[in-house]
Amino acid sequence: MAFATSLSVTNSIATIFLKGDLDASTANDFKLKIEEAAKYEPKPTKLVLHFEDLDYMASAGLRMLIFSKQQMGNNLKLYIFKPNEMVWETLTKTGFHHSVKVLEDYDLDAIAKL
């Protein structure tokens, strides 16, 4: 499946929607969305990665999670919405699951209160 990504920013919450396979050949598209989100003023304090349509994530995708903190600040809170089993397994095997919170619902009002 072809990779696609889009960005939505509401108040202090940036949401990046990802679809397809996130690997070395597509990581730059994700990087561009992170950079775009980091340019908003005020800078978002929460980043929701909408993984519902993400089929696969390689180590290049994990590097982009680190990059998001570098671009948006160490106080950035990372959330993941609906990772599939394969993506979640990648996050847990590498320890990244300790750096993100999985969301059960994509409710911006509830996320704002977290």
Protein backbone atom coordinates (compact mmCIF):
# COMPACT_ATOMS: atom_id res chain seq x y z
CA MET A 1 0.00 0.00 0.00
CA ALA A 2 1.30 3.49 -0.83
CA PHE A 3 2.29 5.64 2.12
CA ALA A 4 0.32 8.79 2.89
CA THR A 5 0.40 11.25 5.74
CA SER A 6 -1.53 14.35 6.73
CA LEU A 7 -1.51 16.82 9.60
CA SER A 8 -4.21 18.43 11.69
CA VAL A 9 -3.52 20.92 14.50
CA THR A 10 -6.17 21.93 17.00
CA ASN A 11 -5.12 24.16 19.89
CA SER A 12 -2.03 22.50 21.41
CA ILE A 13 -2.68 19.09 19.84
CA ALA A 14 -1.04 18.06 16.58
CA THR A 15 -2.35 14.91 14.95
CA ILE A 16 -0.45 13.17 12.20
CA PHE A 17 -2.43 10.60 10.25
CA LEU A 18 -0.32 7.81 8.71
CA LYS A 19 -1.39 5.24 6.16
CA GLY A 20 0.50 2.36 4.55
CA ASP A 21 4.10 1.31 5.29
CA LEU A 22 6.46 3.58 7.22
CA ASP A 23 10.00 2.58 6.30
CA ALA A 24 13.24 4.15 5.08
CA SER A 25 11.71 5.09 1.74
CA THR A 26 8.73 6.91 3.31
CA ALA A 27 10.16 8.27 6.59
CA ASN A 28 10.99 11.63 5.02
CA ASP A 29 7.29 12.26 4.32
CA PHE A 30 6.60 11.69 8.03
CA LYS A 31 9.56 13.93 8.93
CA LEU A 32 8.13 16.76 6.83
CA LYS A 33 4.82 16.55 8.72
CA ILE A 34 6.65 16.66 12.06
CA GLU A 35 8.57 19.74 10.92
CA GLU A 36 5.33 21.35 9.74
CA ALA A 37 3.67 20.68 13.11
CA ALA A 38 6.68 22.13 14.96
CA LYS A 39 6.25 25.45 13.10
CA TYR A 40 2.84 26.14 14.63
CA GLU A 41 2.68 28.87 17.27
CA PRO A 42 2.22 28.17 19.99
CA LYS A 43 4.12 24.94 19.49
CA PRO A 44 1.92 21.88 20.10
CA THR A 45 2.48 20.18 23.46
CA LYS A 46 0.82 16.94 22.41
CA LEU A 47 1.37 14.84 19.32
CA VAL A 48 -1.16 12.17 18.41
CA LEU A 49 0.01 9.65 15.84
CA HIS A 50 -3.07 8.20 14.18
CA PHE A 51 -1.88 4.68 13.37
CA GLU A 52 -5.24 3.11 12.53
CA ASP A 53 -4.28 2.79 8.85
CA LEU A 54 -0.55 2.23 9.36
CA ASP A 55 0.26 -1.30 8.23
CA TYR A 56 3.97 -1.48 9.05
CA MET A 57 6.64 0.56 10.83
CA ALA A 58 10.37 -0.04 10.42
CA SER A 59 13.21 1.41 12.48
CA ALA A 60 13.10 4.56 10.32
CA GLY A 61 9.67 5.25 11.82
CA LEU A 62 11.07 4.84 15.33
CA ARG A 63 13.77 7.39 14.50
CA MET A 64 11.01 9.81 13.55
CA LEU A 65 9.46 9.42 17.01
CA ILE A 66 12.77 10.59 18.49
CA PHE A 67 12.96 13.35 15.88
CA SER A 68 9.51 14.61 16.93
CA LYS A 69 10.81 15.22 20.47
CA GLN A 70 13.85 17.01 19.07
CA GLN A 71 11.70 19.26 16.89
CA MET A 72 8.82 19.89 19.26
CA GLY A 73 10.58 19.82 22.64
CA ASN A 74 11.28 17.35 25.39
CA ASN A 75 8.00 18.22 27.11
CA LEU A 76 6.06 16.92 24.13
CA LYS A 77 3.62 14.17 25.07
CA LEU A 78 3.32 11.42 22.46
CA TYR A 79 0.11 9.49 21.95
CA ILE A 80 -0.66 6.67 19.55
CA PHE A 81 -4.15 5.88 18.35
CA LYS A 82 -4.98 2.34 17.24
CA PRO A 83 -1.62 0.73 16.46
CA ASN A 84 -2.02 -2.68 14.88
CA GLU A 85 -0.38 -5.72 16.46
CA MET A 86 2.72 -5.58 14.24
CA VAL A 87 3.36 -1.88 14.93
CA TRP A 88 2.74 -2.33 18.66
CA GLU A 89 5.16 -5.27 18.71
CA THR A 90 7.84 -3.05 17.12
CA LEU A 91 7.24 -0.42 19.80
CA THR A 92 7.40 -2.91 22.67
CA LYS A 93 10.46 -4.81 21.43
CA THR A 94 12.41 -1.57 21.22
CA GLY A 95 11.12 -0.11 24.49
CA PHE A 96 9.35 2.81 22.79
CA HIS A 97 6.09 1.77 24.41
CA HIS A 98 7.40 3.42 27.59
CA SER A 99 7.57 6.78 25.78
CA VAL A 100 4.06 6.84 24.34
CA LYS A 101 0.54 6.40 25.58
CA VAL A 102 -1.96 4.40 23.56
CA LEU A 103 -5.34 6.06 23.13
CA GLU A 104 -8.54 4.05 23.07
CA ASP A 105 -10.53 6.90 21.52
CA TYR A 106 -9.62 9.82 19.32
CA ASP A 107 -11.37 12.54 21.29
CA LEU A 108 -9.53 15.89 21.18
CA ASP A 109 -11.39 17.25 24.21
CA ALA A 110 -10.36 14.23 26.29
CA ILE A 111 -6.78 14.38 24.97
CA ALA A 112 -6.56 18.07 25.90
CA LYS A 113 -7.29 17.12 29.51
CA LEU A 114 -4.56 14.47 29.69
